[in-house]
PDB file of N, CA and C in Angstrom:
ATOM      1  N   MET A   1     -76.714 103.687 -16.234  1.00  0.00           N
ATOM      2  CA  MET A   1     -78.114 103.602 -15.888  1.00  0.00           C
ATOM      3  C   MET A   1     -78.265 103.988 -14.416  1.00  0.00           C
ATOM      4  N   PRO A   2     -79.122 104.952 -14.115  1.00  0.00           N
ATOM      5  CA  PRO A   2     -79.341 105.334 -12.725  1.00  0.00           C
ATOM      6  C   PRO A   2     -79.930 104.178 -11.914  1.00  0.00           C
ATOM      7  N   LEU A   3     -79.648 104.140 -10.644  1.00  0.00           N
ATOM      8  CA  LEU A   3     -80.133 103.072  -9.775  1.00  0.00           C
ATOM      9  C   LEU A   3     -81.649 102.979  -9.814  1.00  0.00           C
ATOM     10  N   ILE A   4     -82.331 104.109  -9.827  1.00  0.00           N
ATOM     11  CA  ILE A   4     -83.797 104.120  -9.852  1.00  0.00           C
ATOM     12  C   ILE A   4     -84.307 103.335 -11.064  1.00  0.00           C
ATOM     13  N   ALA A   5     -83.736 103.592 -12.237  1.00  0.00           N
ATOM     14  CA  ALA A   5     -84.153 102.891 -13.457  1.00  0.00           C
ATOM     15  C   ALA A   5     -83.777 101.418 -13.377  1.00  0.00           C
ATOM     16  N   PHE A   6     -82.587 101.116 -12.865  1.00  0.00           N
ATOM     17  CA  PHE A   6     -82.146  99.738 -12.741  1.00  0.00           C
ATOM     18  C   PHE A   6     -83.122  98.926 -11.888  1.00  0.00           C
ATOM     19  N   LEU A   7     -83.663  99.559 -10.859  1.00  0.00           N
ATOM     20  CA  LEU A   7     -84.617  98.887  -9.975  1.00  0.00           C
ATOM     21  C   LEU A   7     -86.028  98.851 -10.548  1.00  0.00           C
ATOM     22  N   GLY A   8     -86.216  99.488 -11.715  1.00  0.00           N
ATOM     23  CA  GLY A   8     -87.525  99.491 -12.352  1.00  0.00           C
ATOM     24  C   GLY A   8     -88.501 100.436 -11.695  1.00  0.00           C
ATOM     25  N   LEU A   9     -87.987 101.459 -11.022  1.00  0.00           N
ATOM     26  CA  LEU A   9     -88.849 102.416 -10.328  1.00  0.00           C
ATOM     27  C   LEU A   9     -88.987 103.689 -11.146  1.00  0.00           C
ATOM     28  N   GLU A  10     -90.047 104.420 -10.875  1.00  0.00           N
ATOM     29  CA  GLU A  10     -90.274 105.702 -11.515  1.00  0.00           C
ATOM     30  C   GLU A  10     -89.541 106.798 -10.733  1.00  0.00           C
ATOM     31  N   TRP A  11     -89.027 107.791 -11.432  1.00  0.00           N
ATOM     32  CA  TRP A  11     -88.343 108.907 -10.786  1.00  0.00           C
ATOM     33  C   TRP A  11     -89.349 109.785 -10.067  1.00  0.00           C
ATOM     34  N   GLU A  12     -89.026 110.198  -8.862  1.00  0.00           N
ATOM     35  CA  GLU A  12     -89.831 111.138  -8.088  1.00  0.00           C
ATOM     36  C   GLU A  12     -88.907 112.231  -7.578  1.00  0.00           C
ATOM     37  N   GLU A  13     -89.344 113.473  -7.633  1.00  0.00           N
ATOM     38  CA  GLU A  13     -88.516 114.595  -7.195  1.00  0.00           C
ATOM     39  C   GLU A  13     -88.109 114.472  -5.727  1.00  0.00           C
ATOM     40  N   GLY A  14     -88.936 113.821  -4.925  1.00  0.00           N
ATOM     41  CA  GLY A  14     -88.631 113.657  -3.512  1.00  0.00           C
ATOM     42  C   GLY A  14     -87.385 112.833  -3.248  1.00  0.00           C
ATOM     43  N   VAL A  15     -86.905 112.119  -4.249  1.00  0.00           N
ATOM     44  CA  VAL A  15     -85.706 111.302  -4.080  1.00  0.00           C
ATOM     45  C   VAL A  15     -84.527 112.167  -3.645  1.00  0.00           C
ATOM     46  N   LEU A  16     -84.403 113.343  -4.218  1.00  0.00           N
ATOM     47  CA  LEU A  16     -83.287 114.212  -3.883  1.00  0.00           C
ATOM     48  C   LEU A  16     -83.487 114.955  -2.567  1.00  0.00           C
ATOM     49  N   ASP A  17     -84.706 114.964  -2.061  1.00  0.00           N
ATOM     50  CA  ASP A  17     -85.007 115.662  -0.812  1.00  0.00           C
ATOM     51  C   ASP A  17     -85.306 114.691   0.333  1.00  0.00           C
ATOM     52  N   TYR A  18     -84.814 113.463   0.224  1.00  0.00           N
ATOM     53  CA  TYR A  18     -85.113 112.448   1.232  1.00  0.00           C
ATOM     54  C   TYR A  18     -84.721 112.902   2.636  1.00  0.00           C
ATOM     55  N   HIS A  19     -83.693 113.704   2.740  1.00  0.00           N
ATOM     56  CA  HIS A  19     -83.183 114.133   4.041  1.00  0.00           C
ATOM     57  C   HIS A  19     -84.083 115.162   4.720  1.00  0.00           C
ATOM     58  N   LYS A  20     -85.081 115.673   3.985  1.00  0.00           N
ATOM     59  CA  LYS A  20     -85.981 116.686   4.539  1.00  0.00           C
ATOM     60  C   LYS A  20     -87.302 116.100   5.035  1.00  0.00           C
ATOM     61  N   GLN A  21     -87.455 114.796   5.005  1.00  0.00           N
ATOM     62  CA  GLN A  21     -88.719 114.166   5.399  1.00  0.00           C
ATOM     63  C   GLN A  21     -89.063 114.517   6.840  1.00  0.00           C
ATOM     64  N   LYS A  22     -90.281 114.959   7.037  1.00  0.00           N
ATOM     65  CA  LYS A  22     -90.711 115.386   8.366  1.00  0.00           C
ATOM     66  C   LYS A  22     -91.143 114.207   9.235  1.00  0.00           C
ATOM     67  N   ASN A  23     -91.542 113.121   8.623  1.00  0.00           N
ATOM     68  CA  ASN A  23     -92.059 111.982   9.380  1.00  0.00           C
ATOM     69  C   ASN A  23     -90.994 110.938   9.697  1.00  0.00           C
ATOM     70  N   ARG A  24     -89.742 111.308   9.567  1.00  0.00           N
ATOM     71  CA  ARG A  24     -88.661 110.349   9.808  1.00  0.00           C
ATOM     72  C   ARG A  24     -88.560 110.040  11.300  1.00  0.00           C
ATOM     73  N   ARG A  25     -88.419 108.761  11.589  1.00  0.00           N
ATOM     74  CA  ARG A  25     -88.192 108.354  12.967  1.00  0.00           C
ATOM     75  C   ARG A  25     -86.700 108.449  13.265  1.00  0.00           C
ATOM     76  N   PHE A  26     -86.376 108.698  14.513  1.00  0.00           N
ATOM     77  CA  PHE A  26     -84.976 108.789  14.910  1.00  0.00           C
ATOM     78  C   PHE A  26     -84.317 107.423  14.787  1.00  0.00           C
ATOM     79  N   SER A  27     -83.091 107.423  14.330  1.00  0.00           N
ATOM     80  CA  SER A  27     -82.298 106.213  14.224  1.00  0.00           C
ATOM     81  C   SER A  27     -81.051 106.403  15.079  1.00  0.00           C
ATOM     82  N   SER A  28     -80.722 105.422  15.875  1.00  0.00           N
ATOM     83  CA  SER A  28     -79.553 105.552  16.746  1.00  0.00           C
ATOM     84  C   SER A  28     -78.305 104.932  16.130  1.00  0.00           C
ATOM     85  N   THR A  29     -78.354 104.621  14.849  1.00  0.00           N
ATOM     86  CA  THR A  29     -77.195 104.025  14.192  1.00  0.00           C
ATOM     87  C   THR A  29     -76.194 105.111  13.802  1.00  0.00           C
ATOM     88  N   PRO A  30     -74.932 104.731  13.590  1.00  0.00           N
ATOM     89  CA  PRO A  30     -73.936 105.720  13.166  1.00  0.00           C
ATOM     90  C   PRO A  30     -74.289 106.386  11.831  1.00  0.00           C
ATOM     91  N   SER A  31     -75.117 105.739  11.041  1.00  0.00           N
ATOM     92  CA  SER A  31     -75.457 106.308   9.739  1.00  0.00           C
ATOM     93  C   SER A  31     -76.544 107.384   9.828  1.00  0.00           C
ATOM     94  N   TYR A  32     -77.099 107.626  11.006  1.00  0.00           N
ATOM     95  CA  TYR A  32     -78.172 108.610  11.132  1.00  0.00           C
ATOM     96  C   TYR A  32     -77.754 109.961  10.576  1.00  0.00           C
ATOM     97  N   GLN A  33     -76.523 110.377  10.868  1.00  0.00           N
ATOM     98  CA  GLN A  33     -76.049 111.664  10.361  1.00  0.00           C
ATOM     99  C   GLN A  33     -76.062 111.669   8.839  1.00  0.00           C
ATOM    100  N   ASP A  34     -75.744 110.542   8.228  1.00  0.00           N
ATOM    101  CA  ASP A  34     -75.716 110.474   6.766  1.00  0.00           C
ATOM    102  C   ASP A  34     -77.109 110.543   6.164  1.00  0.00           C
ATOM    103  N   ILE A  35     -78.096 109.951   6.811  1.00  0.00           N
ATOM    104  CA  ILE A  35     -79.434 109.948   6.220  1.00  0.00           C
ATOM    105  C   ILE A  35     -80.171 111.259   6.441  1.00  0.00           C
ATOM    106  N   THR A  36     -79.586 112.164   7.196  1.00  0.00           N
ATOM    107  CA  THR A  36     -80.216 113.469   7.399  1.00  0.00           C
ATOM    108  C   THR A  36     -79.557 114.556   6.562  1.00  0.00           C
ATOM    109  N   ARG A  37     -78.660 114.160   5.673  1.00  0.00           N
ATOM    110  CA  ARG A  37     -77.953 115.109   4.804  1.00  0.00           C
ATOM    111  C   ARG A  37     -78.331 114.866   3.344  1.00  0.00           C
ATOM    112  N   PRO A  38     -78.168 115.880   2.503  1.00  0.00           N
ATOM    113  CA  PRO A  38     -78.414 115.686   1.062  1.00  0.00           C
ATOM    114  C   PRO A  38     -77.430 114.674   0.464  1.00  0.00           C
ATOM    115  N   VAL A  39     -77.720 114.246  -0.758  1.00  0.00           N
ATOM    116  CA  VAL A  39     -76.854 113.300  -1.456  1.00  0.00           C
ATOM    117  C   VAL A  39     -75.437 113.862  -1.505  1.00  0.00           C
ATOM    118  N   TYR A  40     -74.462 113.041  -1.147  1.00  0.00           N
ATOM    119  CA  TYR A  40     -73.059 113.433  -1.074  1.00  0.00           C
ATOM    120  C   TYR A  40     -72.477 113.477  -2.477  1.00  0.00           C
ATOM    121  N   SER A  41     -71.936 114.626  -2.867  1.00  0.00           N
ATOM    122  CA  SER A  41     -71.368 114.734  -4.218  1.00  0.00           C
ATOM    123  C   SER A  41     -70.007 115.420  -4.228  1.00  0.00           C
ATOM    124  N   ARG A  42     -69.446 115.683  -3.060  1.00  0.00           N
ATOM    125  CA  ARG A  42     -68.178 116.404  -3.009  1.00  0.00           C
ATOM    126  C   ARG A  42     -66.999 115.601  -3.546  1.00  0.00           C
ATOM    127  N   SER A  43     -67.131 114.293  -3.628  1.00  0.00           N
ATOM    128  CA  SER A  43     -66.016 113.458  -4.085  1.00  0.00           C
ATOM    129  C   SER A  43     -66.015 113.228  -5.590  1.00  0.00           C
ATOM    130  N   LYS A  44     -66.969 113.798  -6.272  1.00  0.00           N
ATOM    131  CA  LYS A  44     -67.060 113.585  -7.713  1.00  0.00           C
ATOM    132  C   LYS A  44     -65.737 113.967  -8.383  1.00  0.00           C
ATOM    133  N   GLY A  45     -65.199 113.040  -9.136  1.00  0.00           N
ATOM    134  CA  GLY A  45     -63.956 113.284  -9.852  1.00  0.00           C
ATOM    135  C   GLY A  45     -62.701 113.052  -9.021  1.00  0.00           C
ATOM    136  N   ARG A  46     -62.873 112.707  -7.761  1.00  0.00           N
ATOM    137  CA  ARG A  46     -61.707 112.505  -6.898  1.00  0.00           C
ATOM    138  C   ARG A  46     -60.864 111.310  -7.332  1.00  0.00           C
ATOM    139  N   TRP A  47     -61.450 110.436  -8.153  1.00  0.00           N
ATOM    140  CA  TRP A  47     -60.712 109.268  -8.641  1.00  0.00           C
ATOM    141  C   TRP A  47     -59.463 109.678  -9.401  1.00  0.00           C
ATOM    142  N   ARG A  48     -59.481 110.893  -9.948  1.00  0.00           N
ATOM    143  CA  ARG A  48     -58.324 111.350 -10.731  1.00  0.00           C
ATOM    144  C   ARG A  48     -57.042 111.405  -9.899  1.00  0.00           C
ATOM    145  N   ASN A  49     -57.182 111.559  -8.589  1.00  0.00           N
ATOM    146  CA  ASN A  49     -56.004 111.542  -7.713  1.00  0.00           C
ATOM    147  C   ASN A  49     -55.287 110.194  -7.778  1.00  0.00           C
ATOM    148  N   TYR A  50     -56.022 109.151  -8.130  1.00  0.00           N
ATOM    149  CA  TYR A  50     -55.475 107.796  -8.147  1.00  0.00           C
ATOM    150  C   TYR A  50     -55.243 107.283  -9.556  1.00  0.00           C
ATOM    151  N   GLN A  51     -55.493 108.110 -10.540  1.00  0.00           N
ATOM    152  CA  GLN A  51     -55.386 107.687 -11.936  1.00  0.00           C
ATOM    153  C   GLN A  51     -54.037 107.036 -12.274  1.00  0.00           C
ATOM    154  N   PRO A  52     -52.918 107.597 -11.834  1.00  0.00           N
ATOM    155  CA  PRO A  52     -51.640 106.946 -12.164  1.00  0.00           C
ATOM    156  C   PRO A  52     -51.545 105.515 -11.615  1.00  0.00           C
ATOM    157  N   HIS A  53     -52.231 105.248 -10.527  1.00  0.00           N
ATOM    158  CA  HIS A  53     -52.162 103.938  -9.888  1.00  0.00           C
ATOM    159  C   HIS A  53     -53.116 102.931 -10.510  1.00  0.00           C
ATOM    160  N   ILE A  54     -54.140 103.418 -11.188  1.00  0.00           N
ATOM    161  CA  ILE A  54     -55.145 102.513 -11.771  1.00  0.00           C
ATOM    162  C   ILE A  54     -55.126 102.530 -13.294  1.00  0.00           C
ATOM    163  N   GLU A  55     -54.138 103.188 -13.871  1.00  0.00           N
ATOM    164  CA  GLU A  55     -54.055 103.337 -15.322  1.00  0.00           C
ATOM    165  C   GLU A  55     -54.203 102.000 -16.047  1.00  0.00           C
ATOM    166  N   SER A  56     -53.547 100.954 -15.552  1.00  0.00           N
ATOM    167  CA  SER A  56     -53.600  99.657 -16.228  1.00  0.00           C
ATOM    168  C   SER A  56     -54.995  99.032 -16.175  1.00  0.00           C
ATOM    169  N   ALA A  57     -55.809  99.400 -15.200  1.00  0.00           N
ATOM    170  CA  ALA A  57     -57.146  98.831 -15.073  1.00  0.00           C
ATOM    171  C   ALA A  57     -58.194  99.606 -15.866  1.00  0.00           C
ATOM    172  N   LEU A  58     -57.892 100.825 -16.269  1.00  0.00           N
ATOM    173  CA  LEU A  58     -58.892 101.656 -16.946  1.00  0.00           C
ATOM    174  C   LEU A  58     -59.393 101.025 -18.234  1.00  0.00           C
ATOM    175  N   GLU A  59     -58.512 100.399 -18.988  1.00  0.00           N
ATOM    176  CA  GLU A  59     -58.938  99.758 -20.229  1.00  0.00           C
ATOM    177  C   GLU A  59     -59.892  98.595 -19.941  1.00  0.00           C
ATOM    178  N   ILE A  60     -59.629  97.858 -18.891  1.00  0.00           N
ATOM    179  CA  ILE A  60     -60.495  96.738 -18.494  1.00  0.00           C
ATOM    180  C   ILE A  60     -61.849  97.262 -18.035  1.00  0.00           C
ATOM    181  N   LEU A  61     -61.852  98.379 -17.334  1.00  0.00           N
ATOM    182  CA  LEU A  61     -63.086  98.950 -16.788  1.00  0.00           C
ATOM    183  C   LEU A  61     -63.916  99.711 -17.806  1.00  0.00           C
ATOM    184  N   GLU A  62     -63.326 100.081 -18.928  1.00  0.00           N
ATOM    185  CA  GLU A  62     -64.003 100.919 -19.921  1.00  0.00           C
ATOM    186  C   GLU A  62     -65.383 100.398 -20.333  1.00  0.00           C
ATOM    187  N   PRO A  63     -65.565  99.100 -20.626  1.00  0.00           N
ATOM    188  CA  PRO A  63     -66.903  98.635 -21.004  1.00  0.00           C
ATOM    189  C   PRO A  63     -67.948  98.878 -19.904  1.00  0.00           C
ATOM    190  N   TYR A  64     -67.543  98.765 -18.653  1.00  0.00           N
ATOM    191  CA  TYR A  64     -68.469  98.989 -17.540  1.00  0.00           C
ATOM    192  C   TYR A  64     -68.774 100.475 -17.373  1.00  0.00           C
ATOM    193  N   VAL A  65     -67.771 101.291 -17.576  1.00  0.00           N
ATOM    194  CA  VAL A  65     -67.953 102.740 -17.512  1.00  0.00           C
ATOM    195  C   VAL A  65     -68.978 103.164 -18.562  1.00  0.00           C
ATOM    196  N   ALA A  66     -68.826 102.639 -19.768  1.00  0.00           N
ATOM    197  CA  ALA A  66     -69.746 102.967 -20.857  1.00  0.00           C
ATOM    198  C   ALA A  66     -71.146 102.416 -20.578  1.00  0.00           C
ATOM    199  N   ARG A  67     -71.221 101.157 -20.152  1.00  0.00           N
ATOM    200  CA  ARG A  67     -72.528 100.520 -19.954  1.00  0.00           C
ATOM    201  C   ARG A  67     -73.338 101.175 -18.843  1.00  0.00           C
ATOM    202  N   PHE A  68     -72.678 101.531 -17.759  1.00  0.00           N
ATOM    203  CA  PHE A  68     -73.397 102.080 -16.614  1.00  0.00           C
ATOM    204  C   PHE A  68     -73.439 103.604 -16.603  1.00  0.00           C
ATOM    205  N   GLY A  69     -72.907 104.243 -17.646  1.00  0.00           N
ATOM    206  CA  GLY A  69     -73.024 105.683 -17.775  1.00  0.00           C
ATOM    207  C   GLY A  69     -72.200 106.484 -16.793  1.00  0.00           C
ATOM    208  N   TYR A  70     -71.022 105.989 -16.450  1.00  0.00           N
ATOM    209  CA  TYR A  70     -70.175 106.692 -15.493  1.00  0.00           C
ATOM    210  C   TYR A  70     -69.291 107.739 -16.133  1.00  0.00           C
ATOM    211  N   ARG A  71     -69.749 108.336 -17.187  1.00  0.00           N
ATOM    212  CA  ARG A  71     -68.998 109.412 -17.845  1.00  0.00           C
ATOM    213  C   ARG A  71     -69.327 110.715 -17.141  1.00  0.00           C
ATOM    214  N   GLU A  72     -68.303 111.516 -16.923  1.00  0.00           N
ATOM    215  CA  GLU A  72     -68.526 112.841 -16.355  1.00  0.00           C
ATOM    216  C   GLU A  72     -68.760 113.820 -17.486  1.00  0.00           C
ATOM    217  N   ASN A  73     -69.665 114.730 -17.257  1.00  0.00           N
ATOM    218  CA  ASN A  73     -69.873 115.784 -18.253  1.00  0.00           C
ATOM    219  C   ASN A  73     -68.750 116.794 -18.120  1.00  0.00           C
ATOM    220  N   PRO A  74     -68.168 117.216 -19.246  1.00  0.00           N
ATOM    221  CA  PRO A  74     -67.066 118.194 -19.169  1.00  0.00           C
ATOM    222  C   PRO A  74     -67.517 119.533 -18.628  1.00  0.00           C
TER     223      PRO A  74
END
């Protein structure tokens, strides 16, 4: 289930363009660089690098993977 739906909110196209907001005030926190960039997706599937180390936990995690829709599309 996407976070937006979990929170009971309606989907808006602007969600993916949050980093382009013109009325954003400057933030001096270390996260400012992160909030000015698009949604980070370069790590998708990187968990496979650790699969041999988490193999025993995958069966335990399977119900959560299914429930929260964490399946990757082939």
